[in-house]
PDB file of N, CA and C in Angstrom:
ATOM      1  N   MET A   1       0.847  -1.179   0.000  1.00  0.00           N
ATOM      2  CA  MET A   1       0.000   0.000   0.000  1.00  0.00           C
ATOM      3  C   MET A   1       0.892   1.241   0.000  1.00  0.00           C
ATOM      4  N   GLU A   2       0.633   2.147  -0.937  1.00  0.00           N
ATOM      5  CA  GLU A   2       1.399   3.383  -1.010  1.00  0.00           C
ATOM      6  C   GLU A   2       0.657   4.497  -0.291  1.00  0.00           C
ATOM      7  N   VAL A   3       1.411   5.336   0.370  1.00  0.00           N
ATOM      8  CA  VAL A   3       0.850   6.496   1.043  1.00  0.00           C
ATOM      9  C   VAL A   3       1.497   7.725   0.426  1.00  0.00           C
ATOM     10  N   GLU A   4       0.699   8.630  -0.158  1.00  0.00           N
ATOM     11  CA  GLU A   4       1.269   9.799  -0.826  1.00  0.00           C
ATOM     12  C   GLU A   4       1.907  10.729   0.199  1.00  0.00           C
ATOM     13  N   ALA A   5       3.115  11.137  -0.094  1.00  0.00           N
ATOM     14  CA  ALA A   5       3.836  12.058   0.784  1.00  0.00           C
ATOM     15  C   ALA A   5       3.313  13.476   0.580  1.00  0.00           C
ATOM     16  N   LYS A   6       3.203  14.202   1.651  1.00  0.00           N
ATOM     17  CA  LYS A   6       2.790  15.598   1.563  1.00  0.00           C
ATOM     18  C   LYS A   6       4.049  16.458   1.527  1.00  0.00           C
ATOM     19  N   GLY A   7       3.934  17.606   0.885  1.00  0.00           N
ATOM     20  CA  GLY A   7       5.028  18.555   0.971  1.00  0.00           C
ATOM     21  C   GLY A   7       6.110  18.369  -0.058  1.00  0.00           C
ATOM     22  N   PHE A   8       7.318  18.115   0.422  1.00  0.00           N
ATOM     23  CA  PHE A   8       8.497  18.251  -0.431  1.00  0.00           C
ATOM     24  C   PHE A   8       8.531  17.310  -1.633  1.00  0.00           C
ATOM     25  N   VAL A   9       9.304  17.757  -2.619  1.00  0.00           N
ATOM     26  CA  VAL A   9       9.457  17.031  -3.882  1.00  0.00           C
ATOM     27  C   VAL A   9      10.955  16.897  -4.148  1.00  0.00           C
ATOM     28  N   ARG A  10      11.362  15.748  -4.626  1.00  0.00           N
ATOM     29  CA  ARG A  10      12.767  15.532  -4.972  1.00  0.00           C
ATOM     30  C   ARG A  10      12.927  15.548  -6.488  1.00  0.00           C
ATOM     31  N   ARG A  11      14.076  16.072  -6.901  1.00  0.00           N
ATOM     32  CA  ARG A  11      14.458  16.090  -8.320  1.00  0.00           C
ATOM     33  C   ARG A  11      15.767  15.323  -8.420  1.00  0.00           C
ATOM     34  N   VAL A  12      15.785  14.308  -9.265  1.00  0.00           N
ATOM     35  CA  VAL A  12      16.990  13.535  -9.524  1.00  0.00           C
ATOM     36  C   VAL A  12      17.413  13.827 -10.955  1.00  0.00           C
ATOM     37  N   LEU A  13      18.679  14.190 -11.122  1.00  0.00           N
ATOM     38  CA  LEU A  13      19.224  14.487 -12.449  1.00  0.00           C
ATOM     39  C   LEU A  13      20.414  13.581 -12.704  1.00  0.00           C
ATOM     40  N   LEU A  14      20.449  12.982 -13.871  1.00  0.00           N
ATOM     41  CA  LEU A  14      21.602  12.208 -14.313  1.00  0.00           C
ATOM     42  C   LEU A  14      22.268  13.003 -15.423  1.00  0.00           C
ATOM     43  N   PHE A  15      23.570  13.231 -15.289  1.00  0.00           N
ATOM     44  CA  PHE A  15      24.320  14.020 -16.261  1.00  0.00           C
ATOM     45  C   PHE A  15      25.356  13.147 -16.957  1.00  0.00           C
ATOM     46  N   LYS A  16      25.481  13.366 -18.253  1.00  0.00           N
ATOM     47  CA  LYS A  16      26.608  12.858 -19.017  1.00  0.00           C
ATOM     48  C   LYS A  16      27.251  14.094 -19.642  1.00  0.00           C
ATOM     49  N   PHE A  17      28.426  14.440 -19.165  1.00  0.00           N
ATOM     50  CA  PHE A  17      29.123  15.598 -19.707  1.00  0.00           C
ATOM     51  C   PHE A  17      29.796  15.226 -21.021  1.00  0.00           C
ATOM     52  N   LYS A  18      29.977  16.217 -21.872  1.00  0.00           N
ATOM     53  CA  LYS A  18      30.652  15.996 -23.149  1.00  0.00           C
ATOM     54  C   LYS A  18      32.098  15.581 -22.883  1.00  0.00           C
ATOM     55  N   PRO A  19      32.615  14.634 -23.677  1.00  0.00           N
ATOM     56  CA  PRO A  19      33.964  14.118 -23.433  1.00  0.00           C
ATOM     57  C   PRO A  19      35.049  15.196 -23.521  1.00  0.00           C
ATOM     58  N   GLU A  20      34.800  16.249 -24.298  1.00  0.00           N
ATOM     59  CA  GLU A  20      35.823  17.294 -24.428  1.00  0.00           C
ATOM     60  C   GLU A  20      35.834  18.286 -23.261  1.00  0.00           C
ATOM     61  N   THR A  21      34.884  18.164 -22.337  1.00  0.00           N
ATOM     62  CA  THR A  21      34.867  19.056 -21.172  1.00  0.00           C
ATOM     63  C   THR A  21      35.905  18.566 -20.166  1.00  0.00           C
ATOM     64  N   PRO A  22      36.917  19.385 -19.856  1.00  0.00           N
ATOM     65  CA  PRO A  22      37.960  18.968 -18.916  1.00  0.00           C
ATOM     66  C   PRO A  22      37.400  18.707 -17.512  1.00  0.00           C
ATOM     67  N   PRO A  23      37.934  17.716 -16.816  1.00  0.00           N
ATOM     68  CA  PRO A  23      37.454  17.392 -15.466  1.00  0.00           C
ATOM     69  C   PRO A  23      37.489  18.583 -14.506  1.00  0.00           C
ATOM     70  N   ASP A  24      38.494  19.441 -14.611  1.00  0.00           N
ATOM     71  CA  ASP A  24      38.536  20.582 -13.695  1.00  0.00           C
ATOM     72  C   ASP A  24      37.398  21.567 -13.993  1.00  0.00           C
ATOM     73  N   HIS A  25      36.983  21.658 -15.254  1.00  0.00           N
ATOM     74  CA  HIS A  25      35.855  22.525 -15.588  1.00  0.00           C
ATOM     75  C   HIS A  25      34.551  21.921 -15.058  1.00  0.00           C
ATOM     76  N   ILE A  26      34.425  20.601 -15.138  1.00  0.00           N
ATOM     77  CA  ILE A  26      33.248  19.922 -14.578  1.00  0.00           C
ATOM     78  C   ILE A  26      33.176  20.217 -13.084  1.00  0.00           C
ATOM     79  N   GLU A  27      34.307  20.143 -12.408  1.00  0.00           N
ATOM     80  CA  GLU A  27      34.333  20.434 -10.958  1.00  0.00           C
ATOM     81  C   GLU A  27      33.891  21.866 -10.679  1.00  0.00           C
ATOM     82  N   GLN A  28      34.301  22.819 -11.491  1.00  0.00           N
ATOM     83  CA  GLN A  28      33.868  24.215 -11.328  1.00  0.00           C
ATOM     84  C   GLN A  28      32.360  24.340 -11.522  1.00  0.00           C
ATOM     85  N   LEU A  29      31.841  23.664 -12.532  1.00  0.00           N
ATOM     86  CA  LEU A  29      30.401  23.694 -12.773  1.00  0.00           C
ATOM     87  C   LEU A  29      29.642  23.126 -11.575  1.00  0.00           C
ATOM     88  N   ILE A  30      30.130  22.024 -11.032  1.00  0.00           N
ATOM     89  CA  ILE A  30      29.469  21.389  -9.891  1.00  0.00           C
ATOM     90  C   ILE A  30      29.490  22.315  -8.678  1.00  0.00           C
ATOM     91  N   LYS A  31      30.605  22.992  -8.436  1.00  0.00           N
ATOM     92  CA  LYS A  31      30.663  23.939  -7.313  1.00  0.00           C
ATOM     93  C   LYS A  31      29.638  25.046  -7.487  1.00  0.00           C
ATOM     94  N   GLY A  32      29.505  25.563  -8.712  1.00  0.00           N
ATOM     95  CA  GLY A  32      28.496  26.580  -8.973  1.00  0.00           C
ATOM     96  C   GLY A  32      27.088  26.045  -8.780  1.00  0.00           C
ATOM     97  N   TYR A  33      26.865  24.807  -9.196  1.00  0.00           N
ATOM     98  CA  TYR A  33      25.559  24.181  -9.052  1.00  0.00           C
ATOM     99  C   TYR A  33      25.216  24.024  -7.573  1.00  0.00           C
ATOM    100  N   SER A  34      26.191  23.579  -6.792  1.00  0.00           N
ATOM    101  CA  SER A  34      25.942  23.356  -5.363  1.00  0.00           C
ATOM    102  C   SER A  34      25.582  24.651  -4.642  1.00  0.00           C
ATOM    103  N   ASN A  35      26.064  25.783  -5.142  1.00  0.00           N
ATOM    104  CA  ASN A  35      25.790  27.064  -4.485  1.00  0.00           C
ATOM    105  C   ASN A  35      24.341  27.507  -4.654  1.00  0.00           C
ATOM    106  N   LEU A  36      23.604  26.902  -5.581  1.00  0.00           N
ATOM    107  CA  LEU A  36      22.210  27.291  -5.772  1.00  0.00           C
ATOM    108  C   LEU A  36      21.377  27.065  -4.516  1.00  0.00           C
ATOM    109  N   VAL A  37      21.776  26.110  -3.683  1.00  0.00           N
ATOM    110  CA  VAL A  37      21.026  25.864  -2.448  1.00  0.00           C
ATOM    111  C   VAL A  37      21.090  27.086  -1.526  1.00  0.00           C
ATOM    112  N   ASN A  38      22.113  27.906  -1.680  1.00  0.00           N
ATOM    113  CA  ASN A  38      22.236  29.129  -0.882  1.00  0.00           C
ATOM    114  C   ASN A  38      21.520  30.317  -1.517  1.00  0.00           C
ATOM    115  N   LEU A  39      21.099  30.186  -2.761  1.00  0.00           N
ATOM    116  CA  LEU A  39      20.533  31.308  -3.499  1.00  0.00           C
ATOM    117  C   LEU A  39      19.044  31.176  -3.821  1.00  0.00           C
ATOM    118  N   VAL A  40      18.558  29.957  -3.867  1.00  0.00           N
ATOM    119  CA  VAL A  40      17.162  29.710  -4.243  1.00  0.00           C
ATOM    120  C   VAL A  40      16.416  29.229  -2.998  1.00  0.00           C
ATOM    121  N   GLU A  41      15.492  30.045  -2.521  1.00  0.00           N
ATOM    122  CA  GLU A  41      14.823  29.763  -1.251  1.00  0.00           C
ATOM    123  C   GLU A  41      14.063  28.436  -1.235  1.00  0.00           C
ATOM    124  N   SER A  42      13.420  28.081  -2.345  1.00  0.00           N
ATOM    125  CA  SER A  42      12.616  26.853  -2.367  1.00  0.00           C
ATOM    126  C   SER A  42      13.465  25.578  -2.441  1.00  0.00           C
ATOM    127  N   LEU A  43      14.758  25.718  -2.751  1.00  0.00           N
ATOM    128  CA  LEU A  43      15.679  24.570  -2.810  1.00  0.00           C
ATOM    129  C   LEU A  43      16.205  24.312  -1.405  1.00  0.00           C
ATOM    130  N   LYS A  44      15.788  23.220  -0.807  1.00  0.00           N
ATOM    131  CA  LYS A  44      16.087  22.938   0.598  1.00  0.00           C
ATOM    132  C   LYS A  44      17.355  22.109   0.811  1.00  0.00           C
ATOM    133  N   SER A  45      17.691  21.255  -0.143  1.00  0.00           N
ATOM    134  CA  SER A  45      18.943  20.497  -0.018  1.00  0.00           C
ATOM    135  C   SER A  45      19.440  20.099  -1.397  1.00  0.00           C
ATOM    136  N   TRP A  46      20.746  19.840  -1.474  1.00  0.00           N
ATOM    137  CA  TRP A  46      21.422  19.525  -2.730  1.00  0.00           C
ATOM    138  C   TRP A  46      22.488  18.480  -2.430  1.00  0.00           C
ATOM    139  N   HIS A  47      22.436  17.367  -3.132  1.00  0.00           N
ATOM    140  CA  HIS A  47      23.438  16.305  -2.981  1.00  0.00           C
ATOM    141  C   HIS A  47      23.884  15.853  -4.361  1.00  0.00           C
ATOM    142  N   MET A  48      25.100  15.350  -4.431  1.00  0.00           N
ATOM    143  CA  MET A  48      25.587  14.821  -5.715  1.00  0.00           C
ATOM    144  C   MET A  48      26.509  13.647  -5.460  1.00  0.00           C
ATOM    145  N   GLY A  49      26.716  12.895  -6.511  1.00  0.00           N
ATOM    146  CA  GLY A  49      27.656  11.789  -6.467  1.00  0.00           C
ATOM    147  C   GLY A  49      28.114  11.468  -7.872  1.00  0.00           C
ATOM    148  N   LYS A  50      29.223  10.767  -7.933  1.00  0.00           N
ATOM    149  CA  LYS A  50      29.790  10.341  -9.197  1.00  0.00           C
ATOM    150  C   LYS A  50      29.605   8.835  -9.324  1.00  0.00           C
ATOM    151  N   ASP A  51      29.326   8.374 -10.519  1.00  0.00           N
ATOM    152  CA  ASP A  51      29.064   6.958 -10.736  1.00  0.00           C
ATOM    153  C   ASP A  51      30.244   6.095 -10.282  1.00  0.00           C
ATOM    154  N   VAL A  52      29.940   5.069  -9.499  1.00  0.00           N
ATOM    155  CA  VAL A  52      30.944   4.097  -9.064  1.00  0.00           C
ATOM    156  C   VAL A  52      30.472   2.662  -9.335  1.00  0.00           C
ATOM    157  N   SER A  53      29.443   2.524 -10.168  1.00  0.00           N
ATOM    158  CA  SER A  53      28.846   1.224 -10.426  1.00  0.00           C
ATOM    159  C   SER A  53      29.817   0.288 -11.138  1.00  0.00           C
ATOM    160  N   ILE A  54      29.771  -0.980 -10.753  1.00  0.00           N
ATOM    161  CA  ILE A  54      30.585  -2.002 -11.427  1.00  0.00           C
ATOM    162  C   ILE A  54      29.754  -2.785 -12.448  1.00  0.00           C
ATOM    163  N   GLU A  55      28.446  -2.469 -12.539  1.00  0.00           N
ATOM    164  CA  GLU A  55      27.558  -3.221 -13.431  1.00  0.00           C
ATOM    165  C   GLU A  55      27.568  -2.723 -14.870  1.00  0.00           C
ATOM    166  N   ASN A  56      28.096  -1.528 -15.095  1.00  0.00           N
ATOM    167  CA  ASN A  56      28.162  -0.936 -16.432  1.00  0.00           C
ATOM    168  C   ASN A  56      26.773  -0.791 -17.068  1.00  0.00           C
ATOM    169  N   LEU A  57      25.814  -0.343 -16.264  1.00  0.00           N
ATOM    170  CA  LEU A  57      24.458  -0.116 -16.746  1.00  0.00           C
ATOM    171  C   LEU A  57      24.098   1.372 -16.764  1.00  0.00           C
ATOM    172  N   GLN A  58      25.060   2.246 -16.540  1.00  0.00           N
ATOM    173  CA  GLN A  58      24.823   3.681 -16.398  1.00  0.00           C
ATOM    174  C   GLN A  58      24.647   4.415 -17.723  1.00  0.00           C
ATOM    175  N   GLU A  59      24.830   3.742 -18.841  1.00  0.00           N
ATOM    176  CA  GLU A  59      24.613   4.295 -20.177  1.00  0.00           C
ATOM    177  C   GLU A  59      25.354   5.612 -20.408  1.00  0.00           C
ATOM    178  N   GLY A  60      26.534   5.732 -19.833  1.00  0.00           N
ATOM    179  CA  GLY A  60      27.364   6.912 -20.048  1.00  0.00           C
ATOM    180  C   GLY A  60      27.149   8.032 -19.055  1.00  0.00           C
ATOM    181  N   PHE A  61      26.108   7.933 -18.235  1.00  0.00           N
ATOM    182  CA  PHE A  61      25.883   8.971 -17.230  1.00  0.00           C
ATOM    183  C   PHE A  61      26.958   8.853 -16.152  1.00  0.00           C
ATOM    184  N   THR A  62      27.517   9.982 -15.782  1.00  0.00           N
ATOM    185  CA  THR A  62      28.648   9.977 -14.848  1.00  0.00           C
ATOM    186  C   THR A  62      28.345  10.620 -13.503  1.00  0.00           C
ATOM    187  N   HIS A  63      27.367  11.523 -13.458  1.00  0.00           N
ATOM    188  CA  HIS A  63      27.071  12.268 -12.245  1.00  0.00           C
ATOM    189  C   HIS A  63      25.574  12.213 -11.945  1.00  0.00           C
ATOM    190  N   VAL A  64      25.243  12.117 -10.661  1.00  0.00           N
ATOM    191  CA  VAL A  64      23.851  12.171 -10.230  1.00  0.00           C
ATOM    192  C   VAL A  64      23.713  13.301  -9.221  1.00  0.00           C
ATOM    193  N   PHE A  65      22.624  14.039  -9.347  1.00  0.00           N
ATOM    194  CA  PHE A  65      22.322  15.135  -8.438  1.00  0.00           C
ATOM    195  C   PHE A  65      20.932  14.909  -7.885  1.00  0.00           C
ATOM    196  N   GLU A  66      20.768  15.161  -6.580  1.00  0.00           N
ATOM    197  CA  GLU A  66      19.457  15.038  -5.954  1.00  0.00           C
ATOM    198  C   GLU A  66      19.165  16.334  -5.217  1.00  0.00           C
ATOM    199  N   LEU A  67      18.100  16.992  -5.645  1.00  0.00           N
ATOM    200  CA  LEU A  67      17.693  18.258  -5.060  1.00  0.00           C
ATOM    201  C   LEU A  67      16.357  18.060  -4.371  1.00  0.00           C
ATOM    202  N   THR A  68      16.178  18.678  -3.217  1.00  0.00           N
ATOM    203  CA  THR A  68      14.915  18.606  -2.496  1.00  0.00           C
ATOM    204  C   THR A  68      14.300  19.994  -2.449  1.00  0.00           C
ATOM    205  N   PHE A  69      13.041  20.071  -2.838  1.00  0.00           N
ATOM    206  CA  PHE A  69      12.298  21.326  -2.862  1.00  0.00           C
ATOM    207  C   PHE A  69      11.143  21.250  -1.875  1.00  0.00           C
ATOM    208  N   GLU A  70      10.696  22.407  -1.436  1.00  0.00           N
ATOM    209  CA  GLU A  70       9.593  22.459  -0.476  1.00  0.00           C
ATOM    210  C   GLU A  70       8.275  21.987  -1.085  1.00  0.00           C
ATOM    211  N   SER A  71       8.147  22.086  -2.437  1.00  0.00           N
ATOM    212  CA  SER A  71       6.900  21.705  -3.093  1.00  0.00           C
ATOM    213  C   SER A  71       7.130  21.671  -4.610  1.00  0.00           C
ATOM    214  N   ALA A  72       6.114  21.213  -5.332  1.00  0.00           N
ATOM    215  CA  ALA A  72       6.190  21.252  -6.801  1.00  0.00           C
ATOM    216  C   ALA A  72       6.264  22.704  -7.273  1.00  0.00           C
ATOM    217  N   GLU A  73       5.572  23.585  -6.585  1.00  0.00           N
ATOM    218  CA  GLU A  73       5.647  25.010  -6.923  1.00  0.00           C
ATOM    219  C   GLU A  73       7.064  25.538  -6.725  1.00  0.00           C
ATOM    220  N   GLY A  74       7.758  24.980  -5.735  1.00  0.00           N
ATOM    221  CA  GLY A  74       9.145  25.373  -5.484  1.00  0.00           C
ATOM    222  C   GLY A  74      10.051  25.044  -6.659  1.00  0.00           C
ATOM    223  N   ILE A  75       9.780  23.941  -7.353  1.00  0.00           N
ATOM    224  CA  ILE A  75      10.562  23.597  -8.550  1.00  0.00           C
ATOM    225  C   ILE A  75      10.295  24.629  -9.637  1.00  0.00           C
ATOM    226  N   ALA A  76       9.031  25.022  -9.781  1.00  0.00           N
ATOM    227  CA  ALA A  76       8.689  26.033 -10.788  1.00  0.00           C
ATOM    228  C   ALA A  76       9.410  27.345 -10.489  1.00  0.00           C
ATOM    229  N   GLU A  77       9.495  27.736  -9.217  1.00  0.00           N
ATOM    230  CA  GLU A  77      10.222  28.950  -8.826  1.00  0.00           C
ATOM    231  C   GLU A  77      11.711  28.816  -9.160  1.00  0.00           C
ATOM    232  N   TYR A  78      12.258  27.651  -8.876  1.00  0.00           N
ATOM    233  CA  TYR A  78      13.677  27.369  -9.146  1.00  0.00           C
ATOM    234  C   TYR A  78      13.977  27.487 -10.644  1.00  0.00           C
ATOM    235  N   MET A  79      13.077  26.969 -11.466  1.00  0.00           N
ATOM    236  CA  MET A  79      13.321  26.949 -12.910  1.00  0.00           C
ATOM    237  C   MET A  79      13.489  28.343 -13.502  1.00  0.00           C
ATOM    238  N   VAL A  80      12.834  29.347 -12.932  1.00  0.00           N
ATOM    239  CA  VAL A  80      12.915  30.705 -13.466  1.00  0.00           C
ATOM    240  C   VAL A  80      13.782  31.626 -12.606  1.00  0.00           C
ATOM    241  N   HIS A  81      14.369  31.086 -11.563  1.00  0.00           N
ATOM    242  CA  HIS A  81      15.220  31.904 -10.688  1.00  0.00           C
ATOM    243  C   HIS A  81      16.464  32.345 -11.462  1.00  0.00           C
ATOM    244  N   PRO A  82      16.855  33.619 -11.360  1.00  0.00           N
ATOM    245  CA  PRO A  82      18.027  34.108 -12.100  1.00  0.00           C
ATOM    246  C   PRO A  82      19.306  33.312 -11.843  1.00  0.00           C
ATOM    247  N   ALA A  83      19.513  32.836 -10.630  1.00  0.00           N
ATOM    248  CA  ALA A  83      20.731  32.055 -10.333  1.00  0.00           C
ATOM    249  C   ALA A  83      20.706  30.727 -11.082  1.00  0.00           C
ATOM    250  N   HIS A  84      19.538  30.083 -11.172  1.00  0.00           N
ATOM    251  CA  HIS A  84      19.429  28.829 -11.910  1.00  0.00           C
ATOM    252  C   HIS A  84      19.617  29.079 -13.405  1.00  0.00           C
ATOM    253  N   LEU A  85      19.001  30.133 -13.914  1.00  0.00           N
ATOM    254  CA  LEU A  85      19.136  30.439 -15.340  1.00  0.00           C
ATOM    255  C   LEU A  85      20.589  30.733 -15.709  1.00  0.00           C
ATOM    256  N   GLU A  86      21.305  31.421 -14.831  1.00  0.00           N
ATOM    257  CA  GLU A  86      22.721  31.711 -15.073  1.00  0.00           C
ATOM    258  C   GLU A  86      23.540  30.420 -15.077  1.00  0.00           C
ATOM    259  N   PHE A  87      23.274  29.535 -14.096  1.00  0.00           N
ATOM    260  CA  PHE A  87      23.969  28.245 -14.057  1.00  0.00           C
ATOM    261  C   PHE A  87      23.671  27.444 -15.323  1.00  0.00           C
ATOM    262  N   HIS A  88      22.413  27.415 -15.728  1.00  0.00           N
ATOM    263  CA  HIS A  88      22.013  26.665 -16.916  1.00  0.00           C
ATOM    264  C   HIS A  88      22.791  27.129 -18.142  1.00  0.00           C
ATOM    265  N   GLU A  89      22.930  28.437 -18.306  1.00  0.00           N
ATOM    266  CA  GLU A  89      23.677  28.994 -19.444  1.00  0.00           C
ATOM    267  C   GLU A  89      25.133  28.530 -19.445  1.00  0.00           C
ATOM    268  N   LEU A  90      25.735  28.449 -18.261  1.00  0.00           N
ATOM    269  CA  LEU A  90      27.131  28.027 -18.150  1.00  0.00           C
ATOM    270  C   LEU A  90      27.299  26.524 -18.372  1.00  0.00           C
ATOM    271  N   CYS A  91      26.352  25.759 -17.871  1.00  0.00           N
ATOM    272  CA  CYS A  91      26.488  24.301 -17.863  1.00  0.00           C
ATOM    273  C   CYS A  91      26.027  23.635 -19.155  1.00  0.00           C
ATOM    274  N   TRP A  92      24.902  24.089 -19.703  1.00  0.00           N
ATOM    275  CA  TRP A  92      24.270  23.380 -20.816  1.00  0.00           C
ATOM    276  C   TRP A  92      25.201  23.079 -21.984  1.00  0.00           C
ATOM    277  N   PRO A  93      26.101  23.983 -22.377  1.00  0.00           N
ATOM    278  CA  PRO A  93      26.991  23.658 -23.503  1.00  0.00           C
ATOM    279  C   PRO A  93      27.914  22.459 -23.242  1.00  0.00           C
ATOM    280  N   HIS A  94      28.037  22.035 -21.980  1.00  0.00           N
ATOM    281  CA  HIS A  94      28.938  20.938 -21.625  1.00  0.00           C
ATOM    282  C   HIS A  94      28.201  19.624 -21.368  1.00  0.00           C
ATOM    283  N   VAL A  95      26.884  19.643 -21.503  1.00  0.00           N
ATOM    284  CA  VAL A  95      26.075  18.455 -21.212  1.00  0.00           C
ATOM    285  C   VAL A  95      25.740  17.742 -22.518  1.00  0.00           C
ATOM    286  N   GLU A  96      26.120  16.471 -22.573  1.00  0.00           N
ATOM    287  CA  GLU A  96      25.798  15.653 -23.747  1.00  0.00           C
ATOM    288  C   GLU A  96      24.416  15.031 -23.615  1.00  0.00           C
ATOM    289  N   LYS A  97      24.079  14.609 -22.397  1.00  0.00           N
ATOM    290  CA  LYS A  97      22.839  13.888 -22.173  1.00  0.00           C
ATOM    291  C   LYS A  97      22.366  14.163 -20.747  1.00  0.00           C
ATOM    292  N   LEU A  98      21.049  14.260 -20.556  1.00  0.00           N
ATOM    293  CA  LEU A  98      20.488  14.579 -19.251  1.00  0.00           C
ATOM    294  C   LEU A  98      19.171  13.839 -19.068  1.00  0.00           C
ATOM    295  N   VAL A  99      18.954  13.338 -17.858  1.00  0.00           N
ATOM    296  CA  VAL A  99      17.670  12.759 -17.461  1.00  0.00           C
ATOM    297  C   VAL A  99      17.242  13.487 -16.198  1.00  0.00           C
ATOM    298  N   VAL A 100      15.965  13.890 -16.137  1.00  0.00           N
ATOM    299  CA  VAL A 100      15.426  14.571 -14.959  1.00  0.00           C
ATOM    300  C   VAL A 100      14.158  13.849 -14.536  1.00  0.00           C
ATOM    301  N   ILE A 101      14.081  13.527 -13.247  1.00  0.00           N
ATOM    302  CA  ILE A 101      12.878  12.919 -12.684  1.00  0.00           C
ATOM    303  C   ILE A 101      12.526  13.679 -11.414  1.00  0.00           C
ATOM    304  N   ASP A 102      11.287  14.154 -11.331  1.00  0.00           N
ATOM    305  CA  ASP A 102      10.770  14.779 -10.125  1.00  0.00           C
ATOM    306  C   ASP A 102       9.786  13.802  -9.497  1.00  0.00           C
ATOM    307  N   TYR A 103       9.868  13.656  -8.170  1.00  0.00           N
ATOM    308  CA  TYR A 103       8.942  12.747  -7.506  1.00  0.00           C
ATOM    309  C   TYR A 103       8.691  13.187  -6.076  1.00  0.00           C
ATOM    310  N   LYS A 104       7.528  12.789  -5.577  1.00  0.00           N
ATOM    311  CA  LYS A 104       7.214  12.965  -4.166  1.00  0.00           C
ATOM    312  C   LYS A 104       7.599  11.655  -3.481  1.00  0.00           C
ATOM    313  N   PRO A 105       8.491  11.720  -2.506  1.00  0.00           N
ATOM    314  CA  PRO A 105       8.842  10.485  -1.794  1.00  0.00           C
ATOM    315  C   PRO A 105       7.571   9.858  -1.193  1.00  0.00           C
ATOM    316  N   THR A 106       7.382   8.597  -1.485  1.00  0.00           N
ATOM    317  CA  THR A 106       6.182   7.904  -1.063  1.00  0.00           C
ATOM    318  C   THR A 106       6.563   6.678  -0.263  1.00  0.00           C
ATOM    319  N   PRO A 107       6.228   6.675   1.018  1.00  0.00           N
ATOM    320  CA  PRO A 107       6.524   5.468   1.816  1.00  0.00           C
ATOM    321  C   PRO A 107       5.681   4.317   1.325  1.00  0.00           C
ATOM    322  N   PHE A 108       6.246   3.163   1.340  1.00  0.00           N
ATOM    323  CA  PHE A 108       5.521   1.960   0.941  1.00  0.00           C
ATOM    324  C   PHE A 108       5.243   1.163   2.187  1.00  0.00           C
ATOM    325  N   CYS A 109       3.975   0.961   2.473  1.00  0.00           N
ATOM    326  CA  CYS A 109       3.583   0.215   3.674  1.00  0.00           C
ATOM    327  C   CYS A 109       3.215  -1.198   3.261  1.00  0.00           C
ATOM    328  N   ASN A 110       3.879  -2.166   3.839  1.00  0.00           N
ATOM    329  CA  ASN A 110       3.610  -3.560   3.553  1.00  0.00           C
ATOM    330  C   ASN A 110       2.612  -4.081   4.574  1.00  0.00           C
ATOM    331  N   PRO A 111       1.347  -4.271   4.150  1.00  0.00           N
ATOM    332  CA  PRO A 111       0.333  -4.736   5.111  1.00  0.00           C
ATOM    333  C   PRO A 111       0.642  -6.161   5.564  1.00  0.00           C
ATOM    334  N   ASN A 112       0.419  -6.388   6.819  1.00  0.00           N
ATOM    335  CA  ASN A 112       0.644  -7.743   7.392  1.00  0.00           C
ATOM    336  C   ASN A 112      -0.583  -8.585   7.301  1.00  0.00           C
TER     337      ASN A 112
END
């Protein structure tokens, strides 16, 4: 049985950067991305990680980002926020492939 979560919404992004983008530039982009949590009020938390899978099922995606927003409306505010738009302009030319999933965390209750 699923119980719909109230409130916050998570955004998961999978990034595949272009091969010609130097690793140090990727690191600069990530630092700028992480700073959005300090600039966008509706963005409550920001986490990232780099692929370490041994299964080779990542289809070229190298980085995962997980952002938590106060609500679905908070994502809409984030999308048009000047800090996000500025980051997007800097980052997009270096992204080869992107997947974005927004979801409300939903606890799964296993009835006995």
